[in-house]
Amino acid sequence: MATQTERSYALKAVPGFYSSYSGIQIAAQTSDNASDEDLQFMQQLGVEWMMVGVNDQENQNADYYRALKDRFAKYGLQIYRIANRSVHNMPEVTLNLPGRDEKVEEFITFIRNLGEAGIPYNTYAHMGNGIWSSGRTTRRGGMDARTLDIENATGHWDGQIFEGELTHGRVYSEDELWENYEYMIRKVTPVAEESGVYIGIHPDDPPVYSLGGIPRCMFGNFKGYKQAMDIADSPNIGVCLCVGCWLEGGKEGMGVDVIEAIHYFASRKKLFKVHFRNVSNPMPEPWAETLIDDGYQDMHAVMKALREVAFDGAIIPDHIPQILGGRRAGVAYSIAYMRALVQAVNNEAGR
């Protein structure tokens, strides 16, 4: 298990555990094989936290995570989350397919490893047939971005492709989906609490009621989220609020707008992490992912809401469109924009 020093260090990253307000914290994503130059680049941008994808399953263990923490710390970077694609968007768990119990146990082992290494947080997604899109499109000045036309889309996750009216051979009911979620979360929650790890559940992407015969009834709308949080009934189970996914559904599809969602989840200490991104428009019309300032949502209003609720977790750019200058150009643009907004809302609040 994590030492007391590691546990205290970890909890500093999670909202609601310190009486003093530590502020909105800037984070970014990388992989465990990031170069020294990559880490220096993040340090130059003033990034505080990193979300780190571990690609090789043989490295999903506490010793490896500790070694990553030590390496990143040399550049002033702390690790907020370790990503393990093998226990994220698991059809076996979401749909109760063969191998479900093995996947649940794999997830439990992963959470224990995070706790042992003093990693405070994990994002979990519960989609049974992946993230759906319709390929790529162009935005302002020819930037390359993901797009979705729900009439012409396919799902994908970790090398799997999901397509057609029935991606898993039949129509699944809402009751089945809820039973499967409850089965998993009741096994995982006690382990998360014991390990000191906080799990933020990501919205469905896209939040469309049914895709390929599978209703997205839990994490595709506000009502479902509330019910899922009530079932978990734990301070360690909360929300990774992907602003972009919420905007894809829009107020009509999600039940409340993203500002209302921020206030609701934060008031219950359920807001653990935020994906700070924008899209061109809500469904049902085709939409495209955008840079922070190029979509339909006023992202200053989103940041202001985070400041109003005293959110003191990490915000990250996500699904950044590709612009000239290579991958670092879009990251730098996004981080700079976020840092400017944080400074603006802090100044407006008199801090």
Protein backbone atom coordinates (compact mmCIF):
# COMPACT_ATOMS: atom_id res chain seq x y z
CA MET A 1 0.00 0.00 0.00
CA ALA A 2 1.03 3.64 -0.41
CA THR A 3 2.99 5.23 2.40
CA GLN A 4 1.43 8.08 4.37
CA THR A 5 3.67 10.55 2.53
CA GLU A 6 2.57 9.19 -0.84
CA ARG A 7 -1.09 9.21 0.20
CA SER A 8 -0.96 12.83 1.42
CA TYR A 9 0.81 13.84 -1.79
CA ALA A 10 -1.86 12.04 -3.81
CA LEU A 11 -4.84 13.56 -2.05
CA LYS A 12 -3.58 17.07 -2.74
CA ALA A 13 -4.56 16.47 -6.36
CA VAL A 14 -8.17 15.58 -5.67
CA PRO A 15 -10.89 18.19 -5.08
CA GLY A 16 -12.41 18.63 -1.66
CA PHE A 17 -9.69 17.18 0.59
CA TYR A 18 -7.91 20.35 1.62
CA SER A 19 -9.58 23.20 3.45
CA SER A 20 -7.57 25.83 1.59
CA TYR A 21 -8.33 26.46 -2.08
CA SER A 22 -5.38 25.35 -4.19
CA GLY A 23 -6.85 26.48 -7.49
CA ILE A 24 -7.56 25.14 -10.95
CA GLN A 25 -4.52 23.14 -12.01
CA ILE A 26 -3.24 22.74 -15.57
CA ALA A 27 -2.49 19.24 -16.84
CA ALA A 28 -1.60 17.58 -20.12
CA GLN A 29 -1.35 14.11 -21.59
CA THR A 30 1.59 12.03 -22.74
CA SER A 31 2.74 8.42 -22.84
CA ASP A 32 5.19 6.58 -20.64
CA ASN A 33 7.73 6.62 -23.47
CA ALA A 34 7.77 10.43 -23.70
CA SER A 35 11.24 11.77 -24.47
CA ASP A 36 13.16 14.03 -22.12
CA GLU A 37 12.49 16.82 -24.59
CA ASP A 38 8.74 16.11 -24.40
CA LEU A 39 8.85 16.47 -20.62
CA GLN A 40 10.95 19.63 -20.83
CA PHE A 41 8.36 21.03 -23.24
CA MET A 42 5.61 20.43 -20.67
CA GLN A 43 7.75 22.03 -18.00
CA GLN A 44 8.27 25.09 -20.22
CA LEU A 45 4.50 25.43 -20.65
CA GLY A 46 4.04 25.50 -16.88
CA VAL A 47 2.09 22.24 -16.76
CA GLU A 48 1.61 20.96 -13.20
CA TRP A 49 0.14 17.48 -13.69
CA MET A 50 0.47 14.77 -16.31
CA MET A 51 -1.97 12.09 -17.46
CA VAL A 52 0.28 9.25 -18.57
CA GLY A 53 -0.70 6.39 -20.86
CA VAL A 54 1.16 3.14 -20.20
CA ASN A 55 1.24 1.17 -23.44
CA ASP A 56 2.84 -2.15 -22.52
CA GLN A 57 0.64 -4.33 -20.30
CA GLU A 58 3.75 -5.82 -18.70
CA ASN A 59 4.42 -2.38 -17.23
CA GLN A 60 1.07 -2.10 -15.49
CA ASN A 61 2.49 -2.48 -11.98
CA ALA A 62 3.26 -0.29 -8.99
CA ASP A 63 7.04 -0.44 -9.34
CA TYR A 64 6.87 0.87 -12.89
CA TYR A 65 4.47 3.63 -11.86
CA ARG A 66 6.87 4.73 -9.10
CA ALA A 67 9.73 4.86 -11.59
CA LEU A 68 7.59 7.05 -13.87
CA LYS A 69 6.84 9.41 -10.97
CA ASP A 70 10.53 9.76 -10.23
CA ARG A 71 11.38 10.46 -13.87
CA PHE A 72 8.62 13.04 -14.36
CA ALA A 73 9.47 14.73 -11.06
CA LYS A 74 12.88 15.68 -12.46
CA TYR A 75 10.97 18.10 -14.71
CA GLY A 76 8.67 19.38 -11.98
CA LEU A 77 5.78 17.24 -13.25
CA GLN A 78 3.46 15.21 -11.03
CA ILE A 79 1.41 12.25 -12.25
CA TYR A 80 -2.34 12.63 -11.71
CA ARG A 81 -3.51 9.64 -13.70
CA ILE A 82 -2.18 6.45 -15.27
CA ALA A 83 -4.17 5.30 -18.32
CA ASN A 84 -4.62 1.58 -18.97
CA ARG A 85 -6.59 0.96 -22.16
CA SER A 86 -7.18 -2.66 -21.22
CA VAL A 87 -9.53 -1.67 -18.38
CA HIS A 88 -11.25 1.25 -20.10
CA ASN A 89 -14.32 0.85 -22.35
CA MET A 90 -14.62 -2.88 -21.61
CA PRO A 91 -17.43 -4.56 -23.60
CA GLU A 92 -17.05 -7.64 -21.39
CA VAL A 93 -18.06 -5.56 -18.36
CA THR A 94 -20.57 -3.16 -19.92
CA LEU A 95 -22.42 -5.95 -21.79
CA ASN A 96 -21.75 -8.95 -19.51
CA LEU A 97 -19.83 -10.86 -22.16
CA PRO A 98 -17.55 -13.88 -21.56
CA GLY A 99 -14.52 -12.82 -19.55
CA ARG A 100 -16.40 -10.21 -17.48
CA ASP A 101 -15.15 -11.39 -14.08
CA GLU A 102 -11.59 -11.58 -15.34
CA LYS A 103 -11.83 -7.98 -16.61
CA VAL A 104 -13.30 -6.77 -13.31
CA GLU A 105 -10.44 -8.43 -11.44
CA GLU A 106 -7.94 -6.86 -13.84
CA PHE A 107 -9.47 -3.46 -13.10
CA ILE A 108 -9.32 -4.11 -9.35
CA THR A 109 -5.65 -5.09 -9.60
CA PHE A 110 -4.96 -1.92 -11.58
CA ILE A 111 -6.62 0.26 -8.91
CA ARG A 112 -4.59 -1.45 -6.17
CA ASN A 113 -1.39 -0.82 -8.12
CA LEU A 114 -2.27 2.87 -8.44
CA GLY A 115 -2.86 3.11 -4.71
CA GLU A 116 0.37 1.33 -3.91
CA ALA A 117 2.29 3.76 -6.13
CA GLY A 118 0.53 6.83 -4.73
CA ILE A 119 -1.26 7.70 -7.98
CA PRO A 120 -4.46 9.44 -6.84
CA TYR A 121 -6.84 9.12 -9.74
CA ASN A 122 -8.12 7.09 -12.69
CA THR A 123 -10.53 7.98 -15.48
CA TYR A 124 -12.89 5.15 -16.38
CA ALA A 125 -15.22 4.98 -19.41
CA HIS A 126 -18.11 2.51 -19.64
CA MET A 127 -18.84 2.42 -23.38
CA GLY A 128 -19.68 -1.03 -24.72
CA ASN A 129 -18.80 -0.31 -28.34
CA GLY A 130 -16.23 2.43 -28.24
CA ILE A 131 -15.92 6.03 -29.38
CA TRP A 132 -17.75 6.78 -32.64
CA SER A 133 -16.71 9.14 -35.40
CA SER A 134 -16.98 9.73 -39.15
CA GLY A 135 -13.31 10.34 -39.85
CA ARG A 136 -11.71 13.75 -40.22
CA THR A 137 -12.71 17.17 -41.49
CA THR A 138 -11.13 20.62 -41.72
CA ARG A 139 -11.76 23.64 -39.56
CA ARG A 140 -10.37 27.18 -39.43
CA GLY A 141 -7.43 27.59 -41.81
CA GLY A 142 -7.48 23.92 -42.80
CA MET A 143 -6.77 22.40 -39.39
CA ASP A 144 -7.50 18.67 -39.23
CA ALA A 145 -10.20 17.59 -36.77
CA ARG A 146 -12.40 14.63 -35.84
CA THR A 147 -15.99 14.83 -37.04
CA LEU A 148 -19.20 12.90 -36.45
CA ASP A 149 -22.22 12.42 -38.66
CA ILE A 150 -24.35 9.97 -36.71
CA GLU A 151 -25.83 8.64 -39.95
CA ASN A 152 -22.40 7.58 -41.17
CA ALA A 153 -20.21 6.60 -38.23
CA THR A 154 -18.28 3.69 -36.76
CA GLY A 155 -17.01 2.96 -33.28
CA HIS A 156 -13.46 2.12 -32.30
CA TRP A 157 -11.47 1.30 -29.23
CA ASP A 158 -8.07 -0.30 -28.68
CA GLY A 159 -7.90 -1.83 -32.16
CA GLN A 160 -11.53 -2.95 -32.25
CA ILE A 161 -13.98 -1.63 -34.84
CA PHE A 162 -17.74 -1.45 -34.13
CA GLU A 163 -20.20 -0.86 -36.94
CA GLY A 164 -23.69 -1.63 -38.14
CA GLU A 165 -27.09 -1.59 -36.50
CA LEU A 166 -26.14 -4.34 -34.03
CA THR A 167 -22.47 -4.24 -33.06
CA HIS A 168 -22.86 -7.20 -30.69
CA GLY A 169 -25.53 -9.25 -32.44
CA ARG A 170 -28.62 -8.04 -30.62
CA VAL A 171 -30.37 -5.14 -28.90
CA TYR A 172 -29.48 -4.63 -25.24
CA SER A 173 -31.98 -3.26 -22.73
CA GLU A 174 -31.45 -0.43 -20.27
CA ASP A 175 -32.08 -2.81 -17.39
CA GLU A 176 -29.25 -5.05 -18.56
CA LEU A 177 -26.87 -2.12 -18.81
CA TRP A 178 -27.73 -0.89 -15.32
CA GLU A 179 -27.37 -4.38 -13.82
CA ASN A 180 -23.96 -4.77 -15.44
CA TYR A 181 -22.77 -1.38 -14.20
CA GLU A 182 -23.97 -2.09 -10.66
CA TYR A 183 -22.24 -5.49 -10.67
CA MET A 184 -18.93 -3.87 -11.59
CA ILE A 185 -19.09 -0.73 -9.46
CA ARG A 186 -20.00 -2.59 -6.26
CA LYS A 187 -16.89 -4.76 -6.64
CA VAL A 188 -14.56 -1.90 -7.59
CA THR A 189 -15.72 0.77 -5.13
CA PRO A 190 -14.47 -0.85 -1.88
CA VAL A 191 -11.07 -1.40 -3.48
CA ALA A 192 -10.88 2.24 -4.62
CA GLU A 193 -11.74 3.41 -1.11
CA GLU A 194 -9.23 1.08 0.52
CA SER A 195 -6.52 2.08 -1.97
CA GLY A 196 -7.15 5.82 -1.76
CA VAL A 197 -7.82 6.07 -5.50
CA TYR A 198 -10.52 8.30 -7.00
CA ILE A 199 -12.32 7.18 -10.15
CA GLY A 200 -13.89 9.74 -12.47
CA ILE A 201 -16.33 8.30 -14.99
CA HIS A 202 -16.11 9.83 -18.47
CA PRO A 203 -19.23 10.69 -20.52
CA ASP A 204 -20.15 8.52 -23.49
CA ASP A 205 -18.66 9.82 -26.74
CA PRO A 206 -20.90 10.59 -28.45
CA PRO A 207 -23.77 10.75 -25.93
CA VAL A 208 -26.30 9.21 -28.33
CA TYR A 209 -29.12 7.20 -26.77
CA SER A 210 -28.46 4.02 -28.72
CA LEU A 211 -25.54 3.06 -30.93
CA GLY A 212 -25.27 -0.36 -32.50
CA GLY A 213 -28.11 -1.70 -30.36
CA ILE A 214 -26.57 -0.51 -27.07
CA PRO A 215 -28.37 2.26 -25.13
CA ARG A 216 -26.06 4.88 -23.67
CA CYS A 217 -28.42 5.44 -20.77
CA MET A 218 -25.97 5.91 -17.89
CA PHE A 219 -23.24 8.30 -19.02
CA GLY A 220 -24.99 9.83 -22.01
CA ASN A 221 -27.21 12.19 -20.01
CA PHE A 222 -27.42 14.01 -16.69
CA LYS A 223 -30.20 11.85 -15.23
CA GLY A 224 -28.20 8.69 -15.86
CA TYR A 225 -25.09 10.17 -14.29
CA LYS A 226 -26.97 11.08 -11.12
CA GLN A 227 -28.39 7.58 -10.83
CA ALA A 228 -24.98 6.00 -11.45
CA MET A 229 -23.43 8.16 -8.71
CA ASP A 230 -26.20 7.19 -6.31
CA ILE A 231 -25.59 3.50 -6.99
CA ALA A 232 -21.87 3.86 -6.35
CA ASP A 233 -22.57 5.91 -3.21
CA SER A 234 -18.90 6.58 -2.55
CA PRO A 235 -16.70 9.67 -2.16
CA ASN A 236 -14.18 7.87 -4.40
CA ILE A 237 -16.50 7.55 -7.41
CA GLY A 238 -17.18 10.74 -9.32
CA VAL A 239 -17.01 12.46 -12.69
CA CYS A 240 -14.40 13.14 -15.32
CA LEU A 241 -16.35 15.92 -17.00
CA CYS A 242 -15.46 15.99 -20.68
CA VAL A 243 -16.80 19.38 -21.69
CA GLY A 244 -16.58 18.37 -25.36
CA CYS A 245 -18.79 15.29 -24.91
CA TRP A 246 -21.31 17.33 -22.91
CA LEU A 247 -21.37 19.90 -25.69
CA GLU A 248 -21.86 17.16 -28.31
CA GLY A 249 -25.14 16.26 -26.61
CA GLY A 250 -26.02 19.86 -25.79
CA LYS A 251 -28.53 20.91 -23.17
CA GLU A 252 -31.39 19.26 -25.03
CA GLY A 253 -29.66 15.90 -25.23
CA MET A 254 -27.93 15.91 -21.84
CA GLY A 255 -30.77 17.41 -19.79
CA VAL A 256 -28.70 20.30 -18.38
CA ASP A 257 -26.00 22.46 -19.92
CA VAL A 258 -22.35 22.06 -19.02
CA ILE A 259 -22.37 25.00 -16.58
CA GLU A 260 -25.24 23.45 -14.63
CA ALA A 261 -23.43 20.09 -14.63
CA ILE A 262 -20.30 21.69 -13.17
CA HIS A 263 -22.26 23.29 -10.34
CA TYR A 264 -24.18 20.09 -9.55
CA PHE A 265 -21.25 17.68 -9.48
CA ALA A 266 -18.89 20.08 -7.71
CA SER A 267 -21.46 20.78 -4.99
CA ARG A 268 -21.39 17.06 -4.19
CA LYS A 269 -17.59 16.75 -4.37
CA LYS A 270 -17.94 14.54 -7.44
CA LEU A 271 -15.99 16.65 -9.95
CA PHE A 272 -12.51 15.06 -10.14
CA LYS A 273 -11.12 16.11 -13.54
CA VAL A 274 -12.16 18.21 -16.56
CA HIS A 275 -11.43 17.70 -20.25
CA PHE A 276 -11.41 21.28 -21.45
CA ARG A 277 -12.42 21.16 -25.11
CA ASN A 278 -14.98 22.56 -27.54
CA VAL A 279 -17.03 21.42 -30.56
CA SER A 280 -18.64 23.20 -33.50
CA ASN A 281 -22.28 22.53 -32.57
CA PRO A 282 -24.51 20.07 -30.70
CA MET A 283 -26.20 17.06 -32.25
CA PRO A 284 -28.26 15.99 -34.12
CA GLU A 285 -26.43 17.93 -36.85
CA PRO A 286 -22.94 16.67 -37.76
CA TRP A 287 -20.28 18.28 -35.58
CA ALA A 288 -16.50 18.67 -35.50
CA GLU A 289 -14.00 19.02 -32.69
CA THR A 290 -12.39 22.45 -32.49
CA LEU A 291 -9.71 24.41 -30.75
CA ILE A 292 -10.89 25.96 -27.49
CA ASP A 293 -11.92 29.29 -29.03
CA ASP A 294 -13.37 27.92 -32.28
CA GLY A 295 -16.51 26.12 -31.07
CA TYR A 296 -20.01 27.11 -30.02
CA GLN A 297 -19.38 27.18 -26.27
CA ASP A 298 -17.99 30.27 -24.54
CA MET A 299 -15.13 28.54 -22.70
CA HIS A 300 -14.52 31.57 -20.50
CA ALA A 301 -17.95 30.85 -19.02
CA VAL A 302 -16.89 27.24 -18.36
CA MET A 303 -13.71 28.34 -16.62
CA LYS A 304 -15.64 30.92 -14.64
CA ALA A 305 -18.00 28.20 -13.43
CA LEU A 306 -15.03 26.08 -12.32
CA ARG A 307 -13.70 29.07 -10.36
CA GLU A 308 -17.12 29.74 -8.82
CA VAL A 309 -17.33 26.20 -7.44
CA ALA A 310 -13.69 26.39 -6.21
CA PHE A 311 -12.67 23.45 -8.37
CA ASP A 312 -9.15 22.46 -7.34
CA GLY A 313 -8.49 19.51 -9.59
CA ALA A 314 -6.82 19.16 -12.97
CA ILE A 315 -8.06 20.42 -16.33
CA ILE A 316 -6.57 19.10 -19.56
CA PRO A 317 -6.87 19.84 -23.28
CA ASP A 318 -8.13 16.80 -25.16
CA HIS A 319 -8.77 15.71 -28.76
CA ILE A 320 -6.76 18.69 -30.00
CA PRO A 321 -7.17 19.34 -33.76
CA GLN A 322 -3.96 19.07 -35.75
CA ILE A 323 -2.49 22.41 -36.82
CA LEU A 324 0.65 23.39 -38.71
CA GLY A 325 3.81 23.10 -36.66
CA GLY A 326 3.42 19.51 -35.49
CA ARG A 327 1.70 17.99 -32.48
CA ARG A 328 3.32 20.36 -29.98
CA ALA A 329 1.80 23.42 -31.68
CA GLY A 330 -1.77 22.46 -30.79
CA VAL A 331 -0.77 21.49 -27.26
CA ALA A 332 1.02 24.80 -26.71
CA TYR A 333 -1.93 26.78 -28.13
CA SER A 334 -4.39 24.94 -25.88
CA ILE A 335 -2.32 25.13 -22.69
CA ALA A 336 -1.63 28.83 -23.22
CA TYR A 337 -5.32 29.53 -23.80
CA MET A 338 -6.28 27.61 -20.66
CA ARG A 339 -3.65 29.35 -18.54
CA ALA A 340 -4.91 32.73 -19.74
CA LEU A 341 -8.49 31.81 -18.84
CA VAL A 342 -7.43 30.59 -15.39
CA GLN A 343 -5.63 33.86 -14.79
CA ALA A 344 -8.65 35.82 -16.03
CA VAL A 345 -11.20 34.11 -13.77
CA ASN A 346 -8.86 34.29 -10.79
CA ASN A 347 -8.41 38.03 -11.36
CA GLU A 348 -12.16 38.47 -11.73
CA ALA A 349 -12.65 36.66 -8.43
CA GLY A 350 -10.12 38.96 -6.75
CA ARG A 351 -7.51 36.26 -6.19
